[in-house]
């Protein structure tokens, strides 16, 4: 089949990378990227870090400069929504009624923030963080002396807490579970980051849900299930995202905690692909399917999809990795740990330079490296190889991680 037109629904990192990879692979046909934001594809991680802190400009977050797209004949339809997809007709219809035919279609619709539904959730001053406009909507209010309540003690919440604290704000983090980062890391790491933030002046409240927000027209406080009310001039909610699968479901694509794809990012329709936060994909290295909210995953899936569309199949099979910047700490994570995994600490938590190594039946399955970039880099191959590690030497940070495979 000759591929002349590829339509990409979603102008985030997965959609942007698909378009970039198509041109890098020499595709000469029509590439159309449709996005509901007003910006060219950009990187989201700086939103809760450098962009919020005004340490980077918007243009520096762009995956490619704005001129890249016209120069490479990539059609960007920004501030535009897709109304429907017709699989039989192989076309997408935009909100204004325009119909665009495709030979191959990429659905890279990402996710949307999970919103609060309690009383007062619609008050002015209650914000979410997912895109540039979200941050622009409250960034000016992150000022010294302001009371800022953050609902959710995940990475987004803690990154925002770090920025706001450094700017002189009075910050409270409210987490529903018994510890911060409970969904993504071990109790040891949660305790470390709780201590870091507490020492910086952040008030962390755990095992507490938000029952309501107080205020007449603008938020003034956050009422917790403990009965305590936290003063708040500004509230930032970070309680996770919901994958945008409704468009895929409407046309009969298989979904299960995301749009189900194979190792080439292809759906159950051979002409339709999906990549990024909205997908449920197989990972041979982990031996299971999963949905990852991860920039590296979005980029790699976009590349895999582009290659497969052009008849150059390369399986997407990588060890998941993530990162988080808080204060002077660079946390780099490889692999996925499960409850019950053995944890060995390399280095010194007191010196804020260590790695939490997770093992399952003696095999290294994940690592959380704090200011330990060498461990982060060396662990990727070990985890991919399912290497058994010499436990007697693992805690000795003077021994390179790559030299510990048994």
Protein backbone atom coordinates (compact mmCIF):
# COMPACT_ATOMS: atom_id res chain seq x y z
CA UNK A 1 0.00 0.00 0.00
CA UNK A 2 1.25 3.47 -0.90
CA UNK A 3 1.19 5.90 2.01
CA UNK A 4 0.57 9.45 0.86
CA UNK A 5 -1.07 11.14 3.85
CA UNK A 6 -0.46 10.61 7.56
CA UNK A 7 -2.71 12.45 10.00
CA UNK A 8 -1.62 12.87 13.64
CA UNK A 9 -4.30 13.71 16.20
CA UNK A 10 -2.53 15.30 19.15
CA UNK A 11 0.36 17.77 19.11
CA UNK A 12 2.09 16.70 22.31
CA UNK A 13 5.40 14.92 22.59
CA UNK A 14 4.18 11.65 21.07
CA UNK A 15 2.46 13.35 18.16
CA UNK A 16 5.32 15.78 17.61
CA UNK A 17 7.91 13.00 17.65
CA UNK A 18 5.89 10.95 15.15
CA UNK A 19 5.91 13.86 12.69
CA UNK A 20 9.62 14.55 13.26
CA UNK A 21 10.54 10.88 12.81
CA UNK A 22 8.53 10.59 9.60
CA UNK A 23 10.57 13.35 8.02
CA UNK A 24 13.83 12.03 9.48
CA UNK A 25 13.05 8.68 7.84
CA UNK A 26 12.58 10.35 4.48
CA UNK A 27 8.79 10.27 4.17
CA UNK A 28 7.82 12.66 1.39
CA UNK A 29 4.04 12.52 1.71
CA UNK A 30 1.65 14.80 3.50
CA UNK A 31 1.98 15.05 7.31
CA UNK A 32 -0.78 16.83 9.22
CA UNK A 33 -0.60 17.41 12.99
CA UNK A 34 -3.81 18.48 14.71
CA UNK A 35 -3.59 19.88 18.24
CA UNK A 36 -6.07 21.65 20.51
CA UNK A 37 -3.42 23.90 22.10
CA UNK A 38 -2.10 27.08 20.48
CA UNK A 39 1.55 25.99 20.70
CA UNK A 40 3.85 23.90 18.55
CA UNK A 41 4.75 20.53 20.16
CA UNK A 42 6.64 21.14 23.40
CA UNK A 43 8.18 19.30 26.34
CA UNK A 44 5.95 19.15 29.40
CA UNK A 45 8.43 18.33 32.23
CA UNK A 46 9.69 21.94 32.61
CA UNK A 47 6.14 23.12 33.32
CA UNK A 48 6.32 22.16 37.00
CA UNK A 49 9.99 23.04 37.31
CA UNK A 50 11.97 25.60 35.28
CA UNK A 51 9.02 27.19 33.46
CA UNK A 52 7.06 27.68 36.67
CA UNK A 53 10.20 29.07 38.31
CA UNK A 54 10.76 31.44 35.35
CA UNK A 55 14.15 29.86 34.74
CA UNK A 56 13.38 29.01 31.12
CA UNK A 57 11.44 30.63 28.32
CA UNK A 58 8.55 28.98 26.53
CA UNK A 59 10.47 28.68 23.27
CA UNK A 60 13.15 26.57 24.96
CA UNK A 61 10.53 23.93 25.69
CA UNK A 62 9.62 23.51 22.02
CA UNK A 63 10.63 20.12 20.60
CA UNK A 64 11.64 21.98 17.46
CA UNK A 65 11.57 25.68 16.65
CA UNK A 66 8.38 27.03 15.11
CA UNK A 67 10.14 27.35 11.73
CA UNK A 68 10.95 23.62 11.63
CA UNK A 69 7.43 22.62 10.66
CA UNK A 70 6.91 24.79 7.56
CA UNK A 71 10.52 24.17 6.53
CA UNK A 72 9.83 20.42 6.63
CA UNK A 73 6.39 20.67 5.08
CA UNK A 74 4.59 19.53 8.21
CA UNK A 75 1.10 21.02 8.41
CA UNK A 76 0.26 22.17 11.94
CA UNK A 77 -3.42 22.69 12.71
CA UNK A 78 -3.21 24.30 16.15
CA UNK A 79 -6.12 25.39 18.36
CA UNK A 80 -8.10 22.78 16.44
CA UNK A 81 -10.17 19.83 17.64
CA UNK A 82 -11.15 16.65 15.85
CA UNK A 83 -14.89 16.05 15.91
CA UNK A 84 -14.92 12.46 14.65
CA UNK A 85 -13.00 9.70 12.90
CA UNK A 86 -14.46 7.46 10.18
CA UNK A 87 -12.53 4.19 9.93
CA UNK A 88 -14.46 2.96 6.90
CA UNK A 89 -13.89 6.19 5.00
CA UNK A 90 -10.38 6.61 6.52
CA UNK A 91 -10.95 10.24 7.34
CA UNK A 92 -11.08 12.65 10.26
CA UNK A 93 -13.59 15.47 10.52
CA UNK A 94 -12.62 18.67 12.32
CA UNK A 95 -14.99 20.67 14.51
CA UNK A 96 -15.57 23.17 11.73
CA UNK A 97 -16.66 20.41 9.36
CA UNK A 98 -13.48 20.02 7.30
CA UNK A 99 -12.80 16.40 6.37
CA UNK A 100 -9.24 15.12 5.93
CA UNK A 101 -8.51 11.72 4.40
CA UNK A 102 -5.64 9.61 5.72
CA UNK A 103 -3.69 6.55 4.72
CA UNK A 104 -2.31 6.15 8.24
CA UNK A 105 -3.61 7.77 11.41
CA UNK A 106 -1.86 8.42 14.72
CA UNK A 107 -3.96 9.01 17.84
CA UNK A 108 -1.74 10.75 20.41
CA UNK A 109 -4.39 12.35 22.57
CA UNK A 110 -2.52 12.00 25.88
CA UNK A 111 -4.47 12.53 29.07
CA UNK A 112 -6.42 15.16 30.95
CA UNK A 113 -6.12 16.14 34.59
CA UNK A 114 -8.28 14.41 37.13
CA UNK A 115 -10.42 17.15 38.68
CA UNK A 116 -11.80 17.74 42.14
CA UNK A 117 -15.58 17.50 42.57
CA UNK A 118 -15.96 18.60 46.19
CA UNK A 119 -17.74 21.83 47.20
CA UNK A 120 -15.77 24.92 46.22
CA UNK A 121 -13.74 23.16 43.53
CA UNK A 122 -14.85 25.76 40.99
CA UNK A 123 -13.65 28.74 43.03
CA UNK A 124 -11.17 31.15 41.47
CA UNK A 125 -7.68 30.27 42.61
CA UNK A 126 -8.07 26.48 42.30
CA UNK A 127 -5.73 25.41 39.50
CA UNK A 128 -4.44 22.32 37.72
CA UNK A 129 -1.15 21.76 35.92
CA UNK A 130 -1.03 20.01 32.57
CA UNK A 131 -0.15 22.55 29.89
CA UNK A 132 1.42 25.95 29.23
CA UNK A 133 -1.83 27.87 29.71
CA UNK A 134 -2.39 26.15 33.07
CA UNK A 135 0.97 27.40 34.37
CA UNK A 136 0.52 30.85 32.85
CA UNK A 137 -2.78 31.03 34.70
CA UNK A 138 -1.22 30.95 38.17
CA UNK A 139 2.53 31.54 37.80
CA UNK A 140 2.30 35.24 38.70
CA UNK A 141 0.62 34.31 41.98
CA UNK A 142 3.52 32.20 43.22
CA UNK A 143 4.97 35.03 45.30
CA UNK A 144 6.75 35.31 48.63
CA UNK A 145 4.42 35.22 51.60
CA UNK A 146 1.51 33.59 49.76
CA UNK A 147 -0.19 30.54 51.27
CA UNK A 148 -0.18 27.78 48.68
CA UNK A 149 -1.94 24.45 49.18
CA UNK A 150 -1.00 21.57 46.90
CA UNK A 151 -3.44 18.68 46.67
CA UNK A 152 -1.52 15.53 45.79
CA UNK A 153 1.91 14.38 46.94
CA UNK A 154 3.13 12.87 43.68
CA UNK A 155 6.02 14.12 41.58
CA UNK A 156 4.08 17.06 40.12
CA UNK A 157 2.92 18.21 43.54
CA UNK A 158 6.36 17.94 45.11
CA UNK A 159 8.07 19.69 42.17
CA UNK A 160 5.63 22.59 42.47
CA UNK A 161 6.18 22.61 46.25
CA UNK A 162 9.93 22.92 45.72
CA UNK A 163 9.56 25.85 43.33
CA UNK A 164 7.03 27.67 45.51
CA UNK A 165 9.08 27.17 48.67
CA UNK A 166 12.20 28.54 47.01
CA UNK A 167 10.15 31.60 46.04
CA UNK A 168 9.26 32.22 49.68
CA UNK A 169 5.72 30.84 49.74
CA UNK A 170 4.12 29.06 52.70
CA UNK A 171 3.45 25.64 51.22
CA UNK A 172 1.26 22.79 52.43
CA UNK A 173 1.05 19.46 50.59
CA UNK A 174 -2.06 17.36 51.24
CA UNK A 175 -1.77 13.67 50.29
CA UNK A 176 -4.62 11.17 50.57
CA UNK A 177 -2.45 8.11 51.16
CA UNK A 178 -0.17 7.39 54.10
CA UNK A 179 2.94 8.78 52.40
CA UNK A 180 4.01 11.02 49.52
CA UNK A 181 5.02 9.29 46.29
CA UNK A 182 3.24 6.16 47.53
CA UNK A 183 2.09 5.13 44.05
CA UNK A 184 5.51 5.32 42.45
CA UNK A 185 8.25 4.49 44.91
CA UNK A 186 9.23 2.75 48.14
CA UNK A 187 8.67 3.83 51.76
CA UNK A 188 12.40 4.61 52.03
CA UNK A 189 12.22 7.12 49.17
CA UNK A 190 8.98 8.59 50.49
CA UNK A 191 10.58 9.14 53.89
CA UNK A 192 13.62 10.78 52.30
CA UNK A 193 11.56 13.25 50.26
CA UNK A 194 9.27 13.99 53.19
CA UNK A 195 12.34 14.91 55.23
CA UNK A 196 13.78 17.04 52.40
CA UNK A 197 10.59 19.04 51.99
CA UNK A 198 9.94 19.36 55.70
CA UNK A 199 13.45 20.72 56.27
CA UNK A 200 12.80 23.24 53.47
CA UNK A 201 9.71 24.45 55.31
CA UNK A 202 6.92 22.55 53.54
CA UNK A 203 4.02 21.36 55.70
CA UNK A 204 3.15 17.81 54.59
CA UNK A 205 -0.16 16.29 55.63
CA UNK A 206 -0.76 12.63 54.77
CA UNK A 207 -3.75 10.28 55.14
CA UNK A 208 -6.04 13.25 54.52
CA UNK A 209 -8.49 13.96 51.73
CA UNK A 210 -9.93 17.32 50.74
CA UNK A 211 -13.61 17.61 51.63
CA UNK A 212 -14.17 21.18 50.42
CA UNK A 213 -12.64 24.52 49.53
CA UNK A 214 -13.74 27.63 51.43
CA UNK A 215 -14.25 31.11 50.03
CA UNK A 216 -17.00 33.21 48.47
CA UNK A 217 -15.72 33.81 44.96
CA UNK A 218 -12.04 33.06 45.46
CA UNK A 219 -10.50 30.19 47.40
CA UNK A 220 -9.47 31.03 50.95
CA UNK A 221 -8.90 27.64 52.53
CA UNK A 222 -8.81 23.88 52.10
CA UNK A 223 -10.88 21.74 54.47
CA UNK A 224 -9.34 18.32 55.12
CA UNK A 225 -10.99 15.10 56.25
CA UNK A 226 -9.05 15.50 59.51
CA UNK A 227 -11.23 18.53 60.25
CA UNK A 228 -8.36 20.99 59.82
CA UNK A 229 -8.65 23.96 57.44
CA UNK A 230 -5.48 25.01 55.62
CA UNK A 231 -5.30 28.72 54.65
CA UNK A 232 -4.83 29.07 50.92
CA UNK A 233 -4.40 32.05 48.61
CA UNK A 234 -3.77 29.58 45.80
CA UNK A 235 -4.48 25.87 45.34
CA UNK A 236 -2.74 23.63 42.83
CA UNK A 237 -4.24 20.19 42.29
CA UNK A 238 -2.12 17.28 41.07
CA UNK A 239 -4.05 14.04 41.57
CA UNK A 240 -3.21 12.26 38.34
CA UNK A 241 -4.50 12.14 34.80
CA UNK A 242 -7.20 10.27 32.89
CA UNK A 243 -6.12 8.85 29.49
CA UNK A 244 -8.06 10.35 26.60
CA UNK A 245 -9.47 7.20 25.03
CA UNK A 246 -13.00 8.32 24.21
CA UNK A 247 -12.25 9.05 20.56
CA UNK A 248 -10.70 5.60 20.14
CA UNK A 249 -13.62 3.93 21.91
CA UNK A 250 -16.11 5.74 19.67
CA UNK A 251 -14.63 4.06 16.59
CA UNK A 252 -14.31 0.61 18.10
CA UNK A 253 -10.61 0.48 18.90
CA UNK A 254 -9.66 -1.82 21.75
CA UNK A 255 -9.10 -0.04 25.08
CA UNK A 256 -8.10 -1.27 28.51
CA UNK A 257 -6.60 1.38 30.79
CA UNK A 258 -5.54 3.12 27.60
CA UNK A 259 -5.68 2.43 23.88
CA UNK A 260 -4.35 -1.08 23.36
CA UNK A 261 -1.39 -1.19 20.96
CA UNK A 262 1.25 -3.72 19.98
CA UNK A 263 5.03 -3.36 20.13
CA UNK A 264 4.92 -1.16 17.01
CA UNK A 265 2.32 1.22 18.53
CA UNK A 266 -0.31 -0.18 16.17
CA UNK A 267 -3.94 -0.60 17.29
CA UNK A 268 -6.35 -3.35 16.27
CA UNK A 269 -6.96 -1.32 13.09
CA UNK A 270 -3.90 -1.79 10.88
CA UNK A 271 -4.18 1.78 9.61
CA UNK A 272 -4.35 3.41 13.05
CA UNK A 273 -1.56 3.86 15.59
CA UNK A 274 -1.43 5.37 19.07
CA UNK A 275 1.41 6.61 21.27
CA UNK A 276 2.06 8.29 24.58
CA UNK A 277 0.18 8.59 27.86
CA UNK A 278 -3.06 7.31 26.34
CA UNK A 279 -1.70 3.88 25.34
CA UNK A 280 -1.53 0.46 26.95
CA UNK A 281 1.45 -1.30 25.40
CA UNK A 282 3.43 -4.51 25.88
CA UNK A 283 6.91 -4.46 27.34
CA UNK A 284 8.84 -7.66 26.72
CA UNK A 285 11.58 -6.64 29.15
CA UNK A 286 9.06 -6.37 31.99
CA UNK A 287 6.92 -9.25 30.79
CA UNK A 288 3.64 -7.36 31.03
CA UNK A 289 1.45 -4.68 29.53
CA UNK A 290 1.35 -1.23 31.07
CA UNK A 291 0.36 2.37 30.54
CA UNK A 292 3.21 4.81 31.18
CA UNK A 293 2.94 8.53 31.80
CA UNK A 294 6.48 9.12 30.63
CA UNK A 295 8.20 11.40 28.14
CA UNK A 296 10.74 8.76 27.01
CA UNK A 297 7.86 6.36 26.39
CA UNK A 298 5.96 8.93 24.31
CA UNK A 299 9.02 9.72 22.20
CA UNK A 300 10.01 6.09 21.66
CA UNK A 301 6.49 5.01 20.76
CA UNK A 302 6.24 7.90 18.30
CA UNK A 303 9.46 6.76 16.62
CA UNK A 304 8.32 3.12 16.53
CA UNK A 305 5.00 4.10 14.97
CA UNK A 306 6.66 6.23 12.29
CA UNK A 307 9.03 3.41 11.34
CA UNK A 308 6.22 0.86 11.13
CA UNK A 309 4.06 3.17 9.03
CA UNK A 310 6.92 3.37 6.54
CA UNK A 311 7.54 -0.38 6.42
CA UNK A 312 10.66 -0.29 8.62
CA UNK A 313 9.44 -2.15 11.71
CA UNK A 314 11.48 -1.89 14.90
CA UNK A 315 9.92 -3.13 18.12
CA UNK A 316 9.52 -0.68 20.97
CA UNK A 317 11.07 -2.50 23.91
CA UNK A 318 12.82 -0.29 26.45
CA UNK A 319 13.27 -0.24 30.19
CA UNK A 320 11.02 2.59 31.47
CA UNK A 321 12.80 5.59 32.92
CA UNK A 322 11.73 8.87 34.47
CA UNK A 323 13.18 11.84 36.30
CA UNK A 324 12.25 14.55 38.79
CA UNK A 325 14.07 17.72 39.83
CA UNK A 326 13.38 19.09 43.33
CA UNK A 327 15.64 21.67 45.00
CA UNK A 328 19.24 20.54 44.36
CA UNK A 329 18.18 16.93 43.90
CA UNK A 330 18.08 15.14 40.56
CA UNK A 331 16.11 11.94 40.91
CA UNK A 332 16.55 9.53 37.99
CA UNK A 333 14.50 6.33 37.94
CA UNK A 334 14.91 3.21 35.83
CA UNK A 335 12.56 0.23 35.82
CA UNK A 336 9.45 -0.31 37.89
CA UNK A 337 9.53 -1.57 41.46
CA UNK A 338 6.69 -3.47 43.09
CA UNK A 339 5.68 -3.75 46.76
CA UNK A 340 7.73 -6.44 48.44
CA UNK A 341 10.88 -5.91 46.38
CA UNK A 342 14.10 -5.98 48.37
CA UNK A 343 15.63 -2.50 48.76
CA UNK A 344 19.35 -1.84 49.12
CA UNK A 345 20.68 1.70 49.59
CA UNK A 346 23.98 2.66 47.93
CA UNK A 347 25.61 5.86 49.07
CA UNK A 348 24.35 8.22 51.76
CA UNK A 349 20.85 9.58 52.23
CA UNK A 350 22.27 12.05 54.74
CA UNK A 351 24.62 13.41 52.08
CA UNK A 352 21.71 13.49 49.56
CA UNK A 353 23.66 11.29 47.16
CA UNK A 354 22.47 7.71 46.98
CA UNK A 355 20.66 5.04 44.97
CA UNK A 356 17.75 2.92 46.15
CA UNK A 357 18.21 -0.41 44.35
CA UNK A 358 15.23 -2.75 44.03
CA UNK A 359 15.72 -6.49 43.62
CA UNK A 360 13.31 -9.34 43.02
CA UNK A 361 14.69 -12.84 43.60
CA UNK A 362 18.19 -11.38 43.41
CA UNK A 363 17.55 -9.67 40.05
CA UNK A 364 17.88 -5.88 39.74
CA UNK A 365 14.47 -4.62 38.58
CA UNK A 366 14.61 -0.87 39.31
CA UNK A 367 16.76 1.90 40.68
CA UNK A 368 16.00 5.37 42.05
CA UNK A 369 19.21 7.37 41.83
CA UNK A 370 19.44 10.69 43.69
CA UNK A 371 22.38 12.76 42.45
CA UNK A 372 23.95 9.48 41.29
CA UNK A 373 23.92 9.77 37.50
CA UNK A 374 26.48 6.98 36.98
CA UNK A 375 24.24 4.49 38.76
CA UNK A 376 21.31 5.66 36.65
CA UNK A 377 23.21 5.19 33.38
CA UNK A 378 24.78 1.87 34.32
CA UNK A 379 21.56 0.37 35.65
CA UNK A 380 19.74 0.50 32.31
CA UNK A 381 21.67 -2.38 30.74
CA UNK A 382 21.64 -4.40 33.96
CA UNK A 383 17.86 -4.14 34.33
CA UNK A 384 17.30 -4.94 30.65
CA UNK A 385 19.55 -7.98 31.01
CA UNK A 386 17.72 -9.11 34.18
CA UNK A 387 21.11 -9.25 35.87
CA UNK A 388 21.58 -10.96 39.21
CA UNK A 389 23.53 -8.65 41.50
CA UNK A 390 26.21 -9.43 44.07
CA UNK A 391 24.32 -8.34 47.18
CA UNK A 392 27.40 -8.42 49.39
CA UNK A 393 28.91 -5.55 47.42
CA UNK A 394 25.79 -3.68 46.29
CA UNK A 395 25.71 -1.25 49.21
CA UNK A 396 29.33 -0.21 48.54
CA UNK A 397 28.96 2.84 46.30
CA UNK A 398 32.72 2.83 45.60
CA UNK A 399 32.16 -0.23 43.40
CA UNK A 400 30.69 0.64 40.01
CA UNK A 401 27.22 -0.76 39.56
CA UNK A 402 28.20 -2.29 36.20
CA UNK A 403 30.83 -4.43 37.99
CA UNK A 404 28.32 -6.03 40.35
CA UNK A 405 26.55 -8.47 38.02
CA UNK A 406 26.93 -11.94 39.51
